[in-house]
Amino acid sequence: MRLTLPLPRSLAGQLFAMQAVLIAVVVAGYALFSYVSDRNQAEEAAGLQATSVALAVADSPSVREAIRTPDPSAELQPYALAVVRDTDVDFVTIMDPRGIRWSHPDPAQIGLVFRGHTGPALQGRTFTETYTGTLGPSVRAVTPVRDDERIVGLVSAGIRVEEISQRVRGQLTALLAVAAGALGLGAVGTYVINARLRRHTHGMNAAELSHMHDYHQAALHAVREGLLMLDGQHRVALINDGGRVLLGVEQEEDVVGRSVAELDLPAPLTGALLASEPRVDEVHLTADRVLVVNTSPVTGGQRRGSVVTLRDVTELQSLMGELDSERGFTQALRSQAHEAANRLHTVVSLIELGRSEEAVDFATAELELAQALTDQVVAAVSEPVLAALLLGKTAQANERGVELVVSPDSRLDDGLLPDSLPARDLVTILGNLIDNAVDAAQGGLRPRVTVTALTENVSRLILRVSDTGPGVDPDRTEAVFRRGFTTKPSGPGGRGLGLALVQQAVTRHGGALSVTSGEEGGAVFEVRLPLGAPAVARAAGGAV
């Protein structure tokens, strides 16, 4: 039957098990190495100790004197036992040059031949060896006893290997105790670290974290909305594809790690991203987009950064502008319908009173006035989109008590505008300028708005809107194009976005927008848009 050990499910548990096994292997390996090393060192130390004792005994004058006596064992046996007792060696054997023992820890061994090698000592050298003698394996040293230049005996001192092993085992026990303490301390430290890791990984294992990362990357690049994650120092920690597109950033590597202030974004948008408080559905403009920005701080005991979402509402804002225009047209039509009903009642009443000629003259005059206005606009601007816009804005301005006229020098033929300049952008530009001018002129004496639309050298479109309002302070000519600037009370939908949208559309098409003071007071807004080569070619073809 095959046993399979259950593996920890979480990544933190797997790391803890791996670290515990690693610590155990390291400690066991170190203990084994220390045991072998200590044993070798203990044997070397035993050899040195035995050599020292053997040399001391061989150099003792009393030993040489005892050797000269007829019975050397009588004096050498007690002396050798005393040396063993005082020097922590296991035996001291004194023998003649033939190896016959004069002393031994076991008196029965006296007179017998020494077990071991004596050749090097008989040649006058002291040496050590590990040999199994009568007391078992031992580390021993053998040295000659000299009387002048003559070798009169040999001395062997040794320590049993078992005694050495006991000493090493004592050291090993202490080492194992320390190793066990280190293992326990390492296990506790590893557990504490991995407990913290478990909190950060929410108990998920490596596979789950890998899957989450894959899902995270897929979701990050799939959503069309822009997503930015900023760290506590307002540096970009993460940006998705939508965020790069909406902010006009080429490569992700060019942004990650950089501060928001270094991204060359418009100042209001940069301020919103750097703000510490959350932002909800704030509208901001970039070079060619209208963005809705939401920011939410990421906190965990301290500020860790913020999450920013970006939504592109450029088309929505344009459609809202068109919807506002349609609402204005509807109100103008309603007003005209009311006025037409009044005029019809007047004509009917004149007929009932028998004044048929006056009724015809009245109706004819009204028709001529309406037709003259239409003819004036169409004759000056035959571009259908702009002509329809001007007619609608004229009726809307008249409803608000403002006269809207097209200047005599206006001239814009049909088909002259290139495909790169869509009608929607023209409606955004001219419609917002007219609305702004009507707002400024309304309430003044003889309020009037003058619109000029013409081409210059067939290569540039010029749109000029002037009003009889209070004008623009020269010190604030640049501020009027910033989002949020207005001199009028804000309504429920907010104000100050129209001129900013105009500047955005003009900039997107490589044009120029300026504001000056008019001759009759008021402000003059002028837009210059390049028409490009296709428009020039069409104009030339039409001339042929």
Protein backbone atom coordinates (compact mmCIF):
# COMPACT_ATOMS: atom_id res chain seq x y z
CA MET A 1 0.00 0.00 0.00
CA ARG A 2 1.43 3.36 -1.02
CA LEU A 3 1.31 6.16 1.51
CA THR A 4 1.00 9.73 0.28
CA LEU A 5 1.64 12.54 2.71
CA PRO A 6 -0.89 15.37 2.55
CA LEU A 7 0.70 18.51 1.17
CA PRO A 8 -0.21 21.93 2.59
CA ARG A 9 -2.84 23.60 0.45
CA SER A 10 -1.80 27.22 0.83
CA LEU A 11 1.35 28.79 -0.53
CA ALA A 12 2.30 29.89 2.97
CA GLY A 13 1.91 26.32 4.26
CA GLN A 14 4.04 24.93 1.44
CA LEU A 15 6.75 27.50 2.13
CA PHE A 16 6.63 26.70 5.83
CA ALA A 17 7.01 22.95 5.20
CA MET A 18 9.83 23.55 2.73
CA GLN A 19 11.66 25.89 5.11
CA ALA A 20 11.22 23.51 8.04
CA VAL A 21 12.66 20.61 6.01
CA LEU A 22 15.50 22.84 4.79
CA ILE A 23 16.36 23.93 8.32
CA ALA A 24 16.27 20.30 9.53
CA VAL A 25 18.57 19.16 6.70
CA VAL A 26 21.00 22.00 7.34
CA VAL A 27 21.09 21.34 11.08
CA ALA A 28 21.49 17.56 10.58
CA GLY A 29 24.25 18.09 8.03
CA TYR A 30 26.03 20.52 10.31
CA ALA A 31 25.71 18.10 13.23
CA LEU A 32 27.16 15.24 11.16
CA PHE A 33 29.99 17.42 9.91
CA SER A 34 30.71 18.64 13.43
CA TYR A 35 30.72 15.07 14.77
CA VAL A 36 33.23 13.88 12.14
CA SER A 37 35.33 17.00 12.54
CA ASP A 38 35.27 16.84 16.33
CA ARG A 39 36.20 13.15 16.26
CA ASN A 40 39.20 13.86 14.03
CA GLN A 41 40.19 16.75 16.24
CA ALA A 42 39.72 14.59 19.35
CA GLU A 43 41.97 11.87 17.90
CA GLU A 44 44.59 14.46 17.00
CA ALA A 45 44.37 15.95 20.48
CA ALA A 46 44.63 12.48 22.02
CA GLY A 47 47.74 11.77 19.92
CA LEU A 48 49.36 15.00 21.08
CA GLN A 49 48.44 14.33 24.68
CA ALA A 50 49.82 10.77 24.50
CA THR A 51 53.04 12.03 22.86
CA SER A 52 53.54 14.61 25.59
CA VAL A 53 53.08 12.03 28.34
CA ALA A 54 55.35 9.50 26.62
CA LEU A 55 58.14 12.07 26.12
CA ALA A 56 57.83 13.25 29.73
CA VAL A 57 58.13 9.67 31.03
CA ALA A 58 61.06 8.87 28.69
CA ASP A 59 62.93 11.99 29.84
CA SER A 60 62.42 11.24 33.54
CA PRO A 61 65.76 10.45 35.31
CA SER A 62 63.99 8.09 37.66
CA VAL A 63 62.93 5.95 34.71
CA ARG A 64 66.49 5.64 33.45
CA GLU A 65 67.72 4.79 36.96
CA ALA A 66 65.01 2.15 37.37
CA ILE A 67 66.00 0.57 34.05
CA ARG A 68 69.52 0.09 35.36
CA THR A 69 68.29 -1.92 38.36
CA PRO A 70 68.04 -5.71 38.27
CA ASP A 71 64.16 -5.53 38.59
CA PRO A 72 62.90 -2.44 36.67
CA SER A 73 59.24 -3.44 37.09
CA ALA A 74 59.39 -2.96 40.83
CA GLU A 75 59.84 0.76 40.41
CA LEU A 76 58.38 1.42 36.96
CA GLN A 77 54.94 -0.21 37.57
CA PRO A 78 53.96 2.12 40.45
CA TYR A 79 55.38 5.09 38.60
CA ALA A 80 53.42 4.29 35.41
CA LEU A 81 50.17 3.86 37.35
CA ALA A 82 50.72 7.25 39.03
CA VAL A 83 51.29 8.90 35.66
CA VAL A 84 48.07 7.31 34.28
CA ARG A 85 46.16 8.62 37.26
CA ASP A 86 47.52 12.17 36.97
CA THR A 87 47.51 12.73 33.19
CA ASP A 88 44.13 11.39 31.90
CA VAL A 89 45.72 8.77 29.68
CA ASP A 90 44.47 5.18 29.73
CA PHE A 91 47.81 3.46 29.88
CA VAL A 92 51.58 3.99 30.12
CA THR A 93 53.69 1.02 29.12
CA ILE A 94 57.46 0.97 29.73
CA MET A 95 59.38 -1.84 27.96
CA ASP A 96 62.84 -2.89 27.00
CA PRO A 97 64.11 -2.50 23.44
CA ARG A 98 62.80 -5.98 22.62
CA GLY A 99 59.25 -4.95 23.56
CA ILE A 100 59.10 -6.89 26.86
CA ARG A 101 56.79 -4.93 29.19
CA TRP A 102 58.08 -3.62 32.51
CA SER A 103 54.72 -1.89 33.31
CA HIS A 104 51.06 -2.23 32.29
CA PRO A 105 47.64 -1.28 33.74
CA ASP A 106 46.98 -5.03 33.91
CA PRO A 107 49.81 -6.53 36.00
CA ALA A 108 49.27 -9.89 34.24
CA GLN A 109 50.58 -8.34 31.04
CA ILE A 110 53.97 -7.46 32.58
CA GLY A 111 56.74 -9.53 31.02
CA LEU A 112 54.78 -10.13 27.83
CA VAL A 113 55.58 -8.68 24.43
CA PHE A 114 54.11 -5.26 23.60
CA ARG A 115 51.35 -5.31 20.98
CA GLY A 116 52.11 -2.66 18.46
CA HIS A 117 54.84 -1.27 16.31
CA THR A 118 58.21 -0.24 17.78
CA GLY A 119 60.44 -0.04 14.71
CA PRO A 120 60.41 3.78 14.30
CA ALA A 121 61.08 4.23 18.05
CA LEU A 122 64.07 1.83 17.91
CA GLN A 123 65.40 4.11 15.16
CA GLY A 124 65.19 7.05 17.58
CA ARG A 125 61.91 8.60 16.40
CA THR A 126 58.72 9.33 18.29
CA PHE A 127 55.54 8.35 16.41
CA THR A 128 51.80 7.88 16.94
CA GLU A 129 49.39 5.26 15.68
CA THR A 130 45.94 3.79 16.21
CA TYR A 131 46.26 0.15 17.15
CA THR A 132 44.20 -2.54 18.85
CA GLY A 133 46.04 -3.82 21.88
CA THR A 134 45.14 -5.57 25.08
CA LEU A 135 42.86 -2.66 26.11
CA GLY A 136 41.16 -2.43 22.71
CA PRO A 137 41.63 0.17 19.97
CA SER A 138 43.68 3.11 21.17
CA VAL A 139 45.57 6.15 19.94
CA ARG A 140 49.11 5.68 21.24
CA ALA A 141 52.51 7.31 21.05
CA VAL A 142 55.80 5.37 21.25
CA THR A 143 59.14 7.06 22.04
CA PRO A 144 62.64 5.76 22.94
CA VAL A 145 64.33 6.07 26.36
CA ARG A 146 67.93 7.15 25.93
CA ASP A 147 70.88 6.74 28.27
CA ASP A 148 73.40 9.01 26.66
CA GLU A 149 73.25 7.89 23.00
CA ARG A 150 72.10 4.37 23.74
CA ILE A 151 68.40 3.32 23.59
CA VAL A 152 67.78 1.44 26.79
CA GLY A 153 64.01 1.19 26.64
CA LEU A 154 60.71 2.29 25.08
CA VAL A 155 57.70 4.18 26.47
CA SER A 156 54.16 3.93 25.04
CA ALA A 157 51.29 6.14 26.29
CA GLY A 158 47.80 5.95 24.83
CA ILE A 159 44.12 6.80 25.10
CA ARG A 160 41.42 4.31 24.15
CA VAL A 161 39.27 5.12 21.11
CA GLU A 162 36.18 4.38 23.18
CA GLU A 163 37.17 7.13 25.58
CA ILE A 164 37.64 9.51 22.68
CA SER A 165 34.20 8.55 21.32
CA GLN A 166 32.65 9.23 24.70
CA ARG A 167 34.12 12.69 24.76
CA VAL A 168 32.87 13.35 21.20
CA ARG A 169 29.43 12.01 22.08
CA GLY A 170 29.25 14.44 24.98
CA GLN A 171 30.08 17.29 22.66
CA LEU A 172 27.64 15.93 20.08
CA THR A 173 24.85 15.86 22.68
CA ALA A 174 25.45 19.52 23.44
CA LEU A 175 25.60 20.23 19.71
CA LEU A 176 22.33 18.42 19.08
CA ALA A 177 20.69 20.37 21.89
CA VAL A 178 21.83 23.62 20.32
CA ALA A 179 20.76 22.36 16.88
CA ALA A 180 17.34 21.41 18.21
CA GLY A 181 17.00 24.88 19.73
CA ALA A 182 18.03 26.45 16.41
CA LEU A 183 15.54 24.24 14.57
CA GLY A 184 12.77 25.18 16.97
CA LEU A 185 13.63 28.86 16.79
CA GLY A 186 13.81 28.69 12.99
CA ALA A 187 10.48 26.88 12.86
CA VAL A 188 8.85 29.52 15.06
CA GLY A 189 10.33 32.32 12.97
CA THR A 190 9.27 30.58 9.77
CA TYR A 191 5.76 30.09 11.14
CA VAL A 192 5.47 33.76 12.09
CA ILE A 193 6.72 34.91 8.67
CA ASN A 194 4.43 32.53 6.84
CA ALA A 195 1.47 33.50 8.99
CA ARG A 196 2.00 37.03 7.73
CA LEU A 197 2.38 35.68 4.21
CA ARG A 198 -0.89 33.78 4.60
CA ARG A 199 -2.65 37.02 5.46
CA HIS A 200 -1.26 38.66 2.33
CA THR A 201 -2.05 35.72 0.02
CA HIS A 202 -5.43 35.06 1.71
CA GLY A 203 -4.46 31.42 2.15
CA MET A 204 -4.21 30.73 -1.57
CA ASN A 205 -1.71 28.28 -3.00
CA ALA A 206 0.68 28.89 -5.86
CA ALA A 207 -1.68 27.52 -8.53
CA GLU A 208 -4.53 29.71 -7.32
CA LEU A 209 -2.27 32.77 -7.30
CA SER A 210 -1.11 31.92 -10.83
CA HIS A 211 -4.69 31.56 -12.04
CA MET A 212 -5.67 34.80 -10.35
CA HIS A 213 -2.77 36.57 -12.07
CA ASP A 214 -3.87 35.18 -15.44
CA TYR A 215 -7.46 36.28 -14.87
CA HIS A 216 -6.23 39.65 -13.63
CA GLN A 217 -4.16 40.22 -16.78
CA ALA A 218 -6.99 39.07 -19.06
CA ALA A 219 -9.56 41.31 -17.35
CA LEU A 220 -7.12 44.21 -17.23
CA HIS A 221 -6.55 44.22 -20.97
CA ALA A 222 -10.13 43.31 -21.90
CA VAL A 223 -11.97 46.28 -20.38
CA ARG A 224 -12.25 49.34 -22.59
CA GLU A 225 -12.33 51.75 -19.67
CA GLY A 226 -9.01 53.13 -18.50
CA LEU A 227 -7.57 51.84 -15.22
CA LEU A 228 -4.62 53.27 -13.33
CA MET A 229 -3.17 52.21 -9.99
CA LEU A 230 -1.04 54.79 -8.21
CA ASP A 231 1.23 54.08 -5.25
CA GLY A 232 1.59 56.24 -2.15
CA GLN A 233 4.01 58.59 -3.97
CA HIS A 234 1.55 59.05 -6.87
CA ARG A 235 3.69 56.95 -9.19
CA VAL A 236 1.98 54.78 -11.78
CA ALA A 237 2.10 51.20 -10.52
CA LEU A 238 -0.19 49.74 -13.20
CA ILE A 239 -1.99 50.93 -16.33
CA ASN A 240 -4.12 48.95 -18.75
CA ASP A 241 -4.50 49.29 -22.52
CA GLY A 242 -7.58 51.49 -22.18
CA GLY A 243 -5.75 53.86 -19.85
CA ARG A 244 -2.83 54.19 -22.26
CA VAL A 245 -5.20 54.99 -25.14
CA LEU A 246 -7.26 57.53 -23.18
CA LEU A 247 -4.19 59.31 -21.81
CA GLY A 248 -2.32 59.16 -25.11
CA VAL A 249 0.56 57.06 -23.76
CA GLU A 250 2.49 54.95 -26.26
CA GLN A 251 4.09 52.17 -24.20
CA GLU A 252 3.28 50.82 -20.75
CA GLU A 253 6.99 50.70 -19.89
CA ASP A 254 7.21 54.47 -20.48
CA VAL A 255 4.65 55.13 -17.75
CA VAL A 256 5.03 52.56 -14.99
CA GLY A 257 7.20 53.94 -12.20
CA ARG A 258 6.78 57.57 -13.27
CA SER A 259 4.95 60.21 -11.29
CA VAL A 260 1.59 61.44 -12.55
CA ALA A 261 3.05 64.95 -12.67
CA GLU A 262 5.55 63.76 -15.33
CA LEU A 263 2.94 62.51 -17.82
CA ASP A 264 2.27 65.91 -19.46
CA LEU A 265 -1.45 65.73 -18.75
CA PRO A 266 -3.68 68.83 -18.52
CA ALA A 267 -3.28 70.62 -15.19
CA PRO A 268 -6.88 70.00 -13.96
CA LEU A 269 -6.59 66.26 -14.73
CA THR A 270 -3.18 66.06 -13.04
CA GLY A 271 -4.60 67.81 -9.98
CA ALA A 272 -7.47 65.33 -9.81
CA LEU A 273 -5.08 62.36 -9.96
CA LEU A 274 -2.80 63.87 -7.28
CA ALA A 275 -5.65 64.71 -4.92
CA SER A 276 -5.85 62.74 -1.70
CA GLU A 277 -9.64 62.86 -1.46
CA PRO A 278 -11.76 60.66 -3.75
CA ARG A 279 -13.21 62.13 -6.95
CA VAL A 280 -16.57 60.99 -8.32
CA ASP A 281 -17.60 61.41 -11.98
CA GLU A 282 -15.46 64.48 -12.62
CA VAL A 283 -15.35 65.62 -16.25
CA HIS A 284 -11.88 66.47 -17.59
CA LEU A 285 -10.59 67.30 -21.04
CA THR A 286 -7.42 66.06 -22.69
CA ALA A 287 -6.12 67.12 -26.09
CA ASP A 288 -8.82 65.19 -27.97
CA ARG A 289 -11.08 63.51 -25.44
CA VAL A 290 -13.63 64.20 -22.74
CA LEU A 291 -12.99 61.90 -19.77
CA VAL A 292 -15.00 61.06 -16.68
CA VAL A 293 -12.58 60.45 -13.82
CA ASN A 294 -13.19 58.52 -10.60
CA THR A 295 -10.52 58.05 -7.94
CA SER A 296 -10.65 55.89 -4.84
CA PRO A 297 -7.87 55.68 -2.22
CA VAL A 298 -6.41 52.30 -1.25
CA THR A 299 -5.89 52.24 2.50
CA GLY A 300 -4.68 49.67 4.99
CA GLY A 301 -3.62 51.49 8.14
CA GLN A 302 -1.86 54.04 5.94
CA ARG A 303 -2.32 55.50 2.48
CA ARG A 304 -1.07 52.97 -0.02
CA GLY A 305 -2.13 54.75 -3.19
CA SER A 306 -5.29 55.08 -5.23
CA VAL A 307 -7.25 53.42 -8.02
CA VAL A 308 -8.29 55.62 -10.95
CA THR A 309 -10.91 54.74 -13.55
CA LEU A 310 -11.31 56.69 -16.81
CA ARG A 311 -14.33 56.65 -19.11
CA ASP A 312 -14.34 58.21 -22.55
CA VAL A 313 -17.49 60.32 -22.96
CA THR A 314 -16.30 62.32 -25.98
CA GLU A 315 -19.03 60.95 -28.25
CA LEU A 316 -21.59 61.14 -25.44
CA GLN A 317 -20.73 64.79 -24.80
CA SER A 318 -20.98 65.53 -28.50
CA LEU A 319 -24.35 63.80 -28.69
CA MET A 320 -25.50 65.78 -25.64
CA GLY A 321 -24.48 68.96 -27.44
CA GLU A 322 -26.44 67.89 -30.47
CA LEU A 323 -29.38 67.01 -28.22
CA ASP A 324 -29.25 70.46 -26.67
CA SER A 325 -29.27 71.95 -30.15
CA GLU A 326 -32.25 69.80 -31.11
CA ARG A 327 -34.04 70.92 -27.96
CA GLY A 328 -33.34 74.51 -28.95
CA PHE A 329 -34.65 73.82 -32.44
CA THR A 330 -37.76 72.23 -30.96
CA GLN A 331 -38.39 75.21 -28.73
CA ALA A 332 -37.81 77.55 -31.67
CA LEU A 333 -40.24 75.54 -33.81
CA ARG A 334 -42.78 75.59 -31.02
CA SER A 335 -42.39 79.32 -30.73
CA GLN A 336 -42.62 79.77 -34.49
CA ALA A 337 -45.66 77.55 -34.56
CA HIS A 338 -47.24 79.76 -31.90
CA GLU A 339 -46.33 82.87 -33.85
CA ALA A 340 -47.57 81.28 -37.08
CA ALA A 341 -50.88 80.51 -35.40
CA ASN A 342 -51.18 84.13 -34.28
CA ARG A 343 -50.40 85.37 -37.80
CA LEU A 344 -52.91 82.91 -39.27
CA HIS A 345 -55.58 84.13 -36.87
CA THR A 346 -54.73 87.68 -37.92
CA VAL A 347 -55.11 86.81 -41.60
CA VAL A 348 -58.40 85.00 -40.94
CA SER A 349 -59.72 87.90 -38.91
CA LEU A 350 -58.82 90.41 -41.64
CA ILE A 351 -60.67 88.28 -44.19
CA GLU A 352 -63.71 88.01 -41.91
CA LEU A 353 -63.67 91.79 -41.56
CA GLY A 354 -63.73 92.08 -45.33
CA ARG A 355 -60.21 93.43 -45.57
CA SER A 356 -58.90 90.91 -48.06
CA GLU A 357 -56.22 93.13 -49.51
CA GLU A 358 -54.73 93.87 -46.07
CA ALA A 359 -54.79 90.14 -45.32
CA VAL A 360 -52.90 89.35 -48.51
CA ASP A 361 -50.36 92.11 -47.87
CA PHE A 362 -49.81 90.92 -44.29
CA ALA A 363 -49.33 87.27 -45.28
CA THR A 364 -47.07 88.20 -48.19
CA ALA A 365 -44.85 90.36 -45.96
CA GLU A 366 -44.44 87.54 -43.44
CA LEU A 367 -43.56 85.05 -46.17
CA GLU A 368 -41.08 87.44 -47.74
CA LEU A 369 -39.40 88.04 -44.35
CA ALA A 370 -39.00 84.30 -43.68
CA GLN A 371 -37.85 83.62 -47.24
CA ALA A 372 -35.38 86.51 -47.10
CA LEU A 373 -33.83 85.09 -43.92
CA THR A 374 -33.54 81.65 -45.51
CA ASP A 375 -32.17 83.05 -48.76
CA GLN A 376 -29.63 85.12 -46.86
CA VAL A 377 -28.30 82.14 -44.93
CA VAL A 378 -28.30 79.74 -47.88
CA ALA A 379 -26.73 82.27 -50.19
CA ALA A 380 -23.89 82.88 -47.75
CA VAL A 381 -23.41 79.32 -46.51
CA SER A 382 -24.47 76.58 -48.88
CA GLU A 383 -22.85 73.88 -46.74
CA PRO A 384 -26.04 72.06 -45.62
CA VAL A 385 -25.00 71.20 -42.07
CA LEU A 386 -23.85 74.72 -41.23
CA ALA A 387 -26.82 76.28 -43.03
CA ALA A 388 -29.27 74.17 -41.00
CA LEU A 389 -27.39 75.02 -37.82
CA LEU A 390 -27.50 78.76 -38.57
CA LEU A 391 -31.22 78.70 -39.39
CA GLY A 392 -32.02 76.85 -36.19
CA LYS A 393 -29.79 79.08 -34.07
CA THR A 394 -31.35 82.17 -35.69
CA ALA A 395 -34.83 81.09 -34.63
CA GLN A 396 -33.57 80.10 -31.19
CA ALA A 397 -31.80 83.46 -30.71
CA ASN A 398 -34.89 85.33 -31.89
CA GLU A 399 -36.94 83.46 -29.29
CA ARG A 400 -34.52 84.79 -26.64
CA GLY A 401 -34.72 88.33 -27.97
CA VAL A 402 -31.32 88.30 -29.71
CA GLU A 403 -30.83 89.10 -33.38
CA LEU A 404 -28.55 86.63 -35.14
CA VAL A 405 -27.27 87.69 -38.54
CA VAL A 406 -24.86 86.26 -41.08
CA SER A 407 -22.27 88.79 -42.23
CA PRO A 408 -22.36 89.84 -45.90
CA ASP A 409 -18.81 88.66 -46.52
CA SER A 410 -19.65 85.07 -45.55
CA ARG A 411 -19.12 82.55 -48.31
CA LEU A 412 -18.89 78.78 -47.87
CA ASP A 413 -19.72 76.55 -50.83
CA ASP A 414 -21.10 73.05 -50.56
CA GLY A 415 -18.60 70.19 -50.88
CA LEU A 416 -15.64 72.29 -49.87
CA LEU A 417 -15.15 70.75 -46.43
CA PRO A 418 -12.84 67.68 -46.36
CA ASP A 419 -13.77 64.31 -44.92
CA SER A 420 -11.22 64.86 -42.16
CA LEU A 421 -13.41 67.67 -40.80
CA PRO A 422 -16.66 65.92 -39.81
CA ALA A 423 -19.93 67.80 -39.52
CA ARG A 424 -20.22 66.83 -35.85
CA ASP A 425 -17.07 68.79 -34.98
CA LEU A 426 -18.31 71.82 -36.94
CA VAL A 427 -21.59 71.70 -35.01
CA THR A 428 -19.61 71.48 -31.76
CA ILE A 429 -17.42 74.46 -32.68
CA LEU A 430 -19.93 76.84 -34.23
CA GLY A 431 -22.89 75.79 -32.07
CA ASN A 432 -21.04 76.39 -28.79
CA LEU A 433 -19.64 79.72 -29.99
CA ILE A 434 -23.13 80.94 -31.01
CA ASP A 435 -24.68 79.73 -27.72
CA ASN A 436 -21.96 81.49 -25.77
CA ALA A 437 -22.44 84.70 -27.81
CA VAL A 438 -26.24 84.64 -27.38
CA ASP A 439 -25.82 84.20 -23.61
CA ALA A 440 -23.44 87.18 -23.54
CA ALA A 441 -25.60 89.47 -25.71
CA GLN A 442 -28.94 88.63 -24.10
CA GLY A 443 -30.30 91.40 -21.92
CA GLY A 444 -28.25 94.16 -23.53
CA LEU A 445 -29.36 97.12 -25.59
CA ARG A 446 -30.17 95.97 -29.16
CA PRO A 447 -28.57 92.52 -28.61
CA ARG A 448 -27.05 91.06 -31.75
CA VAL A 449 -24.80 88.18 -32.74
CA THR A 450 -22.93 88.22 -36.05
CA VAL A 451 -21.65 85.02 -37.65
CA THR A 452 -19.05 84.92 -40.40
CA ALA A 453 -18.13 81.71 -42.25
CA LEU A 454 -15.70 81.83 -45.18
CA THR A 455 -12.60 80.24 -46.67
CA GLU A 456 -9.23 81.88 -47.03
CA ASN A 457 -7.19 80.93 -50.10
CA VAL A 458 -9.27 77.74 -50.32
CA SER A 459 -6.95 76.24 -47.70
CA ARG A 460 -8.33 77.52 -44.44
CA LEU A 461 -11.84 77.70 -42.97
CA ILE A 462 -12.58 80.78 -40.87
CA LEU A 463 -15.50 80.86 -38.45
CA ARG A 464 -16.03 84.15 -36.61
CA VAL A 465 -18.73 84.89 -34.02
CA SER A 466 -19.10 88.35 -32.49
CA ASP A 467 -21.61 89.66 -29.98
CA THR A 468 -22.71 92.92 -28.38
CA GLY A 469 -22.23 91.65 -24.85
CA PRO A 470 -19.86 92.96 -22.16
CA GLY A 471 -16.80 91.40 -23.81
CA VAL A 472 -13.91 89.48 -22.27
CA ASP A 473 -11.32 90.91 -19.90
CA PRO A 474 -7.94 90.86 -21.75
CA ASP A 475 -6.33 89.34 -18.67
CA ARG A 476 -8.70 86.39 -18.86
CA THR A 477 -8.54 85.52 -22.56
CA GLU A 478 -6.73 82.25 -21.87
CA ALA A 479 -8.84 81.33 -18.85
CA VAL A 480 -12.12 81.37 -20.83
CA PHE A 481 -11.06 78.19 -22.65
CA ARG A 482 -10.42 76.19 -19.47
CA ARG A 483 -13.02 73.72 -18.34
CA GLY A 484 -15.18 75.19 -15.61
CA PHE A 485 -14.66 78.87 -16.46
CA THR A 486 -17.91 80.83 -16.58
CA THR A 487 -19.24 84.26 -15.69
CA LYS A 488 -22.79 82.95 -15.22
CA PRO A 489 -24.36 80.97 -12.38
CA SER A 490 -23.97 77.24 -12.76
CA GLY A 491 -27.05 75.24 -13.53
CA PRO A 492 -27.77 71.65 -12.52
CA GLY A 493 -25.60 70.33 -15.36
CA GLY A 494 -22.75 72.72 -14.70
CA ARG A 495 -21.23 75.34 -16.98
CA GLY A 496 -17.88 76.22 -18.45
CA LEU A 497 -17.55 73.20 -20.76
CA GLY A 498 -18.62 74.68 -24.13
CA LEU A 499 -15.55 76.78 -24.93
CA ALA A 500 -13.26 74.03 -23.61
CA LEU A 501 -14.90 71.60 -26.06
CA VAL A 502 -14.46 74.14 -28.84
CA GLN A 503 -10.75 74.46 -28.11
CA GLN A 504 -10.40 70.67 -27.92
CA ALA A 505 -12.04 70.21 -31.34
CA VAL A 506 -9.97 73.01 -32.88
CA THR A 507 -6.74 71.60 -31.46
CA ARG A 508 -7.63 68.10 -32.66
CA HIS A 509 -7.85 69.38 -36.26
CA GLY A 510 -4.67 71.49 -36.04
CA GLY A 511 -6.48 74.82 -36.00
CA ALA A 512 -6.27 78.00 -33.92
CA LEU A 513 -8.79 79.69 -31.62
CA SER A 514 -8.57 83.29 -30.47
CA VAL A 515 -10.72 85.90 -28.73
CA THR A 516 -10.53 89.66 -29.15
CA SER A 517 -12.67 92.70 -28.41
CA GLY A 518 -15.15 93.82 -31.07
CA GLU A 519 -15.54 97.31 -32.55
CA GLU A 520 -18.99 97.66 -30.98
CA GLY A 521 -17.88 96.13 -27.72
CA GLY A 522 -18.45 92.55 -26.87
CA ALA A 523 -16.19 89.64 -27.81
CA VAL A 524 -15.09 88.21 -31.13
CA PHE A 525 -14.21 84.50 -31.22
CA GLU A 526 -12.37 83.39 -34.34
CA VAL A 527 -11.56 79.82 -35.39
CA ARG A 528 -9.13 78.97 -38.17
CA LEU A 529 -9.15 75.37 -39.43
CA PRO A 530 -6.89 73.98 -42.20
CA LEU A 531 -8.85 72.38 -45.03
CA GLY A 532 -5.93 70.38 -46.46
CA ALA A 533 -4.96 69.35 -49.99
CA PRO A 534 -8.19 67.46 -50.88
CA ALA A 535 -10.25 70.62 -50.41
CA VAL A 536 -7.89 72.60 -52.63
CA ALA A 537 -8.10 69.91 -55.31
CA ARG A 538 -11.90 69.89 -55.22
CA ALA A 539 -11.98 73.68 -55.48
CA ALA A 540 -9.63 73.59 -58.45
CA GLY A 541 -11.70 70.88 -60.14
CA GLY A 542 -14.85 72.88 -59.66
CA ALA A 543 -13.24 75.94 -61.24
CA VAL A 544 -12.49 74.00 -64.45
